Amino acid sequence: MTQRKPPGMKTEDWVEAQIKQAQARGEFDDLPGEGKPLAKLADPHDPDWWVKDFIRREKIETDALLPPSVQLRKEKQALQDKLSVLRTEAEARDYLQDLNRRILIQIRDATGVVVPVGPVDEEEMLAEWRKAHEARQAARARLRESEPPPAPKRSIWQRLFS
């Protein structure tokens, strides 16, 4: 249990006395980081150190901190990669419509950073998606044709008596 500060004693003096007693008992011996400088003390002062530390510690993607128009521009640049993952034309069409809807909302919003981002031509992107999808399907078909057919399954009786 912690001791109470005696009446009439300054708080600073009482704290110093507690530290000296703990040092005499050896409570500060063999602590992790002993003899090493305190982290971040040698670095120049950064007023946003706690935000950067939180982002690094929690492994937050820094793209989430960008203004919406910049996020949309980056998403538009990575559009081909996103579309290549989608399996059906309906999924691709829904994604493109949602992206265009978010771009139009951002264009109408006059607050914040203005980064010009234009809507995506859905039909052109869907035509590119169809070509890439057909090429992937053809590659899969060639792979299936080149593989030897699986051995026919033997019945349980054949497996037991062989």
C-alpha atoms as a PDB file:
ATOM      1  CA  MET A   1       0.000   0.000   0.000  1.00  0.00           C
ATOM      2  CA  THR A   2       1.271   3.465  -0.803  1.00  0.00           C
ATOM      3  CA  GLN A   3       2.250   5.723   2.005  1.00  0.00           C
ATOM      4  CA  ARG A   4       0.526   8.998   2.676  1.00  0.00           C
ATOM      5  CA  LYS A   5       2.372  12.257   2.413  1.00  0.00           C
ATOM      6  CA  PRO A   6       3.147  13.544   5.887  1.00  0.00           C
ATOM      7  CA  PRO A   7       1.456  16.833   6.720  1.00  0.00           C
ATOM      8  CA  GLY A   8       3.703  19.844   6.396  1.00  0.00           C
ATOM      9  CA  MET A   9       6.021  18.169   3.827  1.00  0.00           C
ATOM     10  CA  LYS A  10       6.151  19.523   0.272  1.00  0.00           C
ATOM     11  CA  THR A  11       4.858  17.137  -2.390  1.00  0.00           C
ATOM     12  CA  GLU A  12       8.085  17.415  -4.406  1.00  0.00           C
ATOM     13  CA  ASP A  13      10.188  16.517  -1.350  1.00  0.00           C
ATOM     14  CA  TRP A  14       7.947  13.572  -0.505  1.00  0.00           C
ATOM     15  CA  VAL A  15       8.117  12.227  -4.088  1.00  0.00           C
ATOM     16  CA  GLU A  16      11.904  12.574  -4.118  1.00  0.00           C
ATOM     17  CA  ALA A  17      12.104  10.678  -0.832  1.00  0.00           C
ATOM     18  CA  GLN A  18       9.920   7.876  -2.263  1.00  0.00           C
ATOM     19  CA  ILE A  19      12.175   7.622  -5.338  1.00  0.00           C
ATOM     20  CA  LYS A  20      15.343   7.493  -3.217  1.00  0.00           C
ATOM     21  CA  GLN A  21      13.857   4.738  -1.033  1.00  0.00           C
ATOM     22  CA  ALA A  22      12.879   2.724  -4.123  1.00  0.00           C
ATOM     23  CA  GLN A  23      16.399   3.150  -5.531  1.00  0.00           C
ATOM     24  CA  ALA A  24      17.877   1.963  -2.242  1.00  0.00           C
ATOM     25  CA  ARG A  25      15.639  -1.130  -2.363  1.00  0.00           C
ATOM     26  CA  GLY A  26      16.819  -1.792  -5.957  1.00  0.00           C
ATOM     27  CA  GLU A  27      13.393  -1.516  -7.578  1.00  0.00           C
ATOM     28  CA  PHE A  28      14.839   0.355 -10.552  1.00  0.00           C
ATOM     29  CA  ASP A  29      17.559  -2.227 -11.273  1.00  0.00           C
ATOM     30  CA  ASP A  30      17.351  -4.364 -14.443  1.00  0.00           C
ATOM     31  CA  LEU A  31      14.460  -2.474 -16.031  1.00  0.00           C
ATOM     32  CA  PRO A  32      13.978  -2.898 -19.795  1.00  0.00           C
ATOM     33  CA  GLY A  33      15.779  -0.153 -21.704  1.00  0.00           C
ATOM     34  CA  GLU A  34      18.164   0.595 -18.856  1.00  0.00           C
ATOM     35  CA  GLY A  35      20.982   2.882 -19.978  1.00  0.00           C
ATOM     36  CA  LYS A  36      19.273   3.700 -23.290  1.00  0.00           C
ATOM     37  CA  PRO A  37      17.867   7.113 -24.213  1.00  0.00           C
ATOM     38  CA  LEU A  38      14.138   7.607 -23.964  1.00  0.00           C
ATOM     39  CA  ALA A  39      12.416   7.082 -27.296  1.00  0.00           C
ATOM     40  CA  LYS A  40      11.347  10.194 -29.177  1.00  0.00           C
ATOM     41  CA  LEU A  41      13.215  12.507 -26.755  1.00  0.00           C
ATOM     42  CA  ALA A  42      16.127  12.993 -29.141  1.00  0.00           C
ATOM     43  CA  ASP A  43      13.837  13.649 -32.129  1.00  0.00           C
ATOM     44  CA  PRO A  44      12.971  17.244 -33.007  1.00  0.00           C
ATOM     45  CA  HIS A  45       9.567  18.285 -31.716  1.00  0.00           C
ATOM     46  CA  ASP A  46       6.698  17.189 -33.909  1.00  0.00           C
ATOM     47  CA  PRO A  47       3.262  18.404 -32.826  1.00  0.00           C
ATOM     48  CA  ASP A  48       1.597  15.447 -34.568  1.00  0.00           C
ATOM     49  CA  TRP A  49       3.811  12.763 -33.012  1.00  0.00           C
ATOM     50  CA  TRP A  50       0.903  11.092 -31.246  1.00  0.00           C
ATOM     51  CA  VAL A  51      -1.152  10.796 -34.460  1.00  0.00           C
ATOM     52  CA  LYS A  52       1.772   9.287 -36.365  1.00  0.00           C
ATOM     53  CA  ASP A  53       2.491   6.904 -33.500  1.00  0.00           C
ATOM     54  CA  PHE A  54      -1.176   5.849 -33.372  1.00  0.00           C
ATOM     55  CA  ILE A  55      -1.269   5.226 -37.135  1.00  0.00           C
ATOM     56  CA  ARG A  56       1.918   3.154 -36.992  1.00  0.00           C
ATOM     57  CA  ARG A  57       0.849   1.212 -33.876  1.00  0.00           C
ATOM     58  CA  GLU A  58      -2.681   0.431 -35.103  1.00  0.00           C
ATOM     59  CA  LYS A  59      -1.503  -0.221 -38.702  1.00  0.00           C
ATOM     60  CA  ILE A  60      -4.045   2.188 -40.166  1.00  0.00           C
ATOM     61  CA  GLU A  61      -3.832   2.764 -43.911  1.00  0.00           C
ATOM     62  CA  THR A  62      -2.779   6.329 -44.523  1.00  0.00           C
ATOM     63  CA  ASP A  63      -5.038   6.561 -47.588  1.00  0.00           C
ATOM     64  CA  ALA A  64      -7.951   6.897 -45.180  1.00  0.00           C
ATOM     65  CA  LEU A  65      -6.539  10.280 -44.105  1.00  0.00           C
ATOM     66  CA  LEU A  66      -6.532  11.749 -47.612  1.00  0.00           C
ATOM     67  CA  PRO A  67      -9.238  14.154 -48.772  1.00  0.00           C
ATOM     68  CA  PRO A  68     -12.145  12.384 -50.523  1.00  0.00           C
ATOM     69  CA  SER A  69     -11.278  13.815 -53.944  1.00  0.00           C
ATOM     70  CA  VAL A  70      -7.726  12.453 -53.714  1.00  0.00           C
ATOM     71  CA  GLN A  71      -9.063   9.082 -52.535  1.00  0.00           C
ATOM     72  CA  LEU A  72     -11.402   8.957 -55.538  1.00  0.00           C
ATOM     73  CA  ARG A  73      -8.581   9.870 -57.895  1.00  0.00           C
ATOM     74  CA  LYS A  74      -6.405   7.056 -56.497  1.00  0.00           C
ATOM     75  CA  GLU A  75      -9.337   4.628 -56.736  1.00  0.00           C
ATOM     76  CA  LYS A  76      -9.894   5.681 -60.342  1.00  0.00           C
ATOM     77  CA  GLN A  77      -6.208   5.006 -61.139  1.00  0.00           C
ATOM     78  CA  ALA A  78      -6.479   1.488 -59.657  1.00  0.00           C
ATOM     79  CA  LEU A  79      -9.729   0.786 -61.485  1.00  0.00           C
ATOM     80  CA  GLN A  80      -8.360  -1.959 -63.762  1.00  0.00           C
ATOM     81  CA  ASP A  81      -7.024  -3.928 -60.792  1.00  0.00           C
ATOM     82  CA  LYS A  82     -10.356  -3.638 -58.992  1.00  0.00           C
ATOM     83  CA  LEU A  83     -12.360  -4.667 -62.056  1.00  0.00           C
ATOM     84  CA  SER A  84     -10.139  -7.695 -62.710  1.00  0.00           C
ATOM     85  CA  VAL A  85     -11.216  -9.163 -59.365  1.00  0.00           C
ATOM     86  CA  LEU A  86     -14.952  -8.864 -60.055  1.00  0.00           C
ATOM     87  CA  ARG A  87     -16.538 -12.018 -61.457  1.00  0.00           C
ATOM     88  CA  THR A  88     -19.696 -10.904 -63.206  1.00  0.00           C
ATOM     89  CA  GLU A  89     -20.621  -8.014 -65.446  1.00  0.00           C
ATOM     90  CA  ALA A  90     -23.372  -7.032 -63.011  1.00  0.00           C
ATOM     91  CA  GLU A  91     -20.814  -6.672 -60.198  1.00  0.00           C
ATOM     92  CA  ALA A  92     -18.572  -4.572 -62.438  1.00  0.00           C
ATOM     93  CA  ARG A  93     -21.491  -2.390 -63.545  1.00  0.00           C
ATOM     94  CA  ASP A  94     -22.647  -1.863 -59.923  1.00  0.00           C
ATOM     95  CA  TYR A  95     -19.112  -0.926 -58.866  1.00  0.00           C
ATOM     96  CA  LEU A  96     -18.717   1.578 -61.716  1.00  0.00           C
ATOM     97  CA  GLN A  97     -22.122   3.139 -60.995  1.00  0.00           C
ATOM     98  CA  ASP A  98     -21.224   3.478 -57.310  1.00  0.00           C
ATOM     99  CA  LEU A  99     -17.860   5.040 -58.180  1.00  0.00           C
ATOM    100  CA  ASN A 100     -19.507   7.542 -60.534  1.00  0.00           C
ATOM    101  CA  ARG A 101     -22.116   8.370 -57.892  1.00  0.00           C
ATOM    102  CA  ARG A 102     -19.367   9.098 -55.321  1.00  0.00           C
ATOM    103  CA  ILE A 103     -17.442  11.189 -57.874  1.00  0.00           C
ATOM    104  CA  LEU A 104     -20.542  13.281 -58.664  1.00  0.00           C
ATOM    105  CA  ILE A 105     -21.182  13.846 -54.953  1.00  0.00           C
ATOM    106  CA  GLN A 106     -17.587  15.023 -54.562  1.00  0.00           C
ATOM    107  CA  ILE A 107     -17.858  17.340 -57.578  1.00  0.00           C
ATOM    108  CA  ARG A 108     -20.959  18.972 -56.065  1.00  0.00           C
ATOM    109  CA  ASP A 109     -19.243  19.380 -52.676  1.00  0.00           C
ATOM    110  CA  ALA A 110     -17.448  22.727 -52.686  1.00  0.00           C
ATOM    111  CA  THR A 111     -15.666  22.261 -49.360  1.00  0.00           C
ATOM    112  CA  GLY A 112     -12.149  21.019 -48.831  1.00  0.00           C
ATOM    113  CA  VAL A 113      -9.419  20.380 -51.346  1.00  0.00           C
ATOM    114  CA  VAL A 114     -10.573  20.585 -54.947  1.00  0.00           C
ATOM    115  CA  VAL A 115      -8.857  17.953 -57.057  1.00  0.00           C
ATOM    116  CA  PRO A 116     -10.396  17.517 -60.494  1.00  0.00           C
ATOM    117  CA  VAL A 117     -11.811  14.015 -60.833  1.00  0.00           C
ATOM    118  CA  GLY A 118     -14.116  13.244 -63.733  1.00  0.00           C
ATOM    119  CA  PRO A 119     -16.645  10.428 -63.906  1.00  0.00           C
ATOM    120  CA  VAL A 120     -15.740   7.091 -65.458  1.00  0.00           C
ATOM    121  CA  ASP A 121     -17.132   6.040 -68.849  1.00  0.00           C
ATOM    122  CA  GLU A 122     -19.016   2.922 -67.734  1.00  0.00           C
ATOM    123  CA  GLU A 123     -19.560   1.396 -71.169  1.00  0.00           C
ATOM    124  CA  GLU A 124     -15.901   1.754 -72.150  1.00  0.00           C
ATOM    125  CA  MET A 125     -14.744   0.206 -68.870  1.00  0.00           C
ATOM    126  CA  LEU A 126     -17.274  -2.631 -69.196  1.00  0.00           C
ATOM    127  CA  ALA A 127     -16.053  -3.345 -72.732  1.00  0.00           C
ATOM    128  CA  GLU A 128     -12.483  -3.563 -71.406  1.00  0.00           C
ATOM    129  CA  TRP A 129     -13.723  -5.788 -68.544  1.00  0.00           C
ATOM    130  CA  ARG A 130     -15.465  -8.120 -71.043  1.00  0.00           C
ATOM    131  CA  LYS A 131     -12.266  -8.460 -73.125  1.00  0.00           C
ATOM    132  CA  ALA A 132     -10.147  -9.192 -70.064  1.00  0.00           C
ATOM    133  CA  HIS A 133     -12.781 -11.580 -68.694  1.00  0.00           C
ATOM    134  CA  GLU A 134     -12.946 -13.515 -71.976  1.00  0.00           C
ATOM    135  CA  ALA A 135      -9.136 -13.728 -72.050  1.00  0.00           C
ATOM    136  CA  ARG A 136      -9.104 -15.081 -68.466  1.00  0.00           C
ATOM    137  CA  GLN A 137     -11.819 -17.609 -69.331  1.00  0.00           C
ATOM    138  CA  ALA A 138      -9.887 -18.761 -72.404  1.00  0.00           C
ATOM    139  CA  ALA A 139      -6.695 -19.123 -70.354  1.00  0.00           C
ATOM    140  CA  ARG A 140      -8.575 -21.206 -67.777  1.00  0.00           C
ATOM    141  CA  ALA A 141     -10.025 -23.398 -70.537  1.00  0.00           C
ATOM    142  CA  ARG A 142      -6.552 -23.966 -72.030  1.00  0.00           C
ATOM    143  CA  LEU A 143      -5.268 -24.887 -68.581  1.00  0.00           C
ATOM    144  CA  ARG A 144      -8.095 -27.383 -68.090  1.00  0.00           C
ATOM    145  CA  GLU A 145      -7.455 -28.914 -71.531  1.00  0.00           C
ATOM    146  CA  SER A 146      -3.727 -29.309 -70.900  1.00  0.00           C
ATOM    147  CA  GLU A 147      -4.262 -31.122 -67.590  1.00  0.00           C
ATOM    148  CA  PRO A 148      -4.629 -34.879 -67.803  1.00  0.00           C
ATOM    149  CA  PRO A 149      -8.111 -36.100 -66.922  1.00  0.00           C
ATOM    150  CA  PRO A 150      -8.430 -37.369 -63.356  1.00  0.00           C
ATOM    151  CA  ALA A 151      -8.297 -41.137 -62.868  1.00  0.00           C
ATOM    152  CA  PRO A 152     -11.754 -42.662 -62.622  1.00  0.00           C
ATOM    153  CA  LYS A 153     -12.844 -43.314 -59.081  1.00  0.00           C
ATOM    154  CA  ARG A 154     -12.794 -46.903 -58.066  1.00  0.00           C
ATOM    155  CA  SER A 155     -15.690 -48.270 -56.118  1.00  0.00           C
ATOM    156  CA  ILE A 156     -15.303 -49.225 -52.510  1.00  0.00           C
ATOM    157  CA  TRP A 157     -15.260 -52.923 -53.476  1.00  0.00           C
ATOM    158  CA  GLN A 158     -12.435 -52.380 -55.948  1.00  0.00           C
ATOM    159  CA  ARG A 159     -10.436 -50.531 -53.305  1.00  0.00           C
ATOM    160  CA  LEU A 160     -11.069 -53.162 -50.644  1.00  0.00           C
ATOM    161  CA  PHE A 161     -10.191 -56.185 -52.767  1.00  0.00           C
ATOM    162  CA  SER A 162      -7.244 -54.829 -54.740  1.00  0.00           C
END
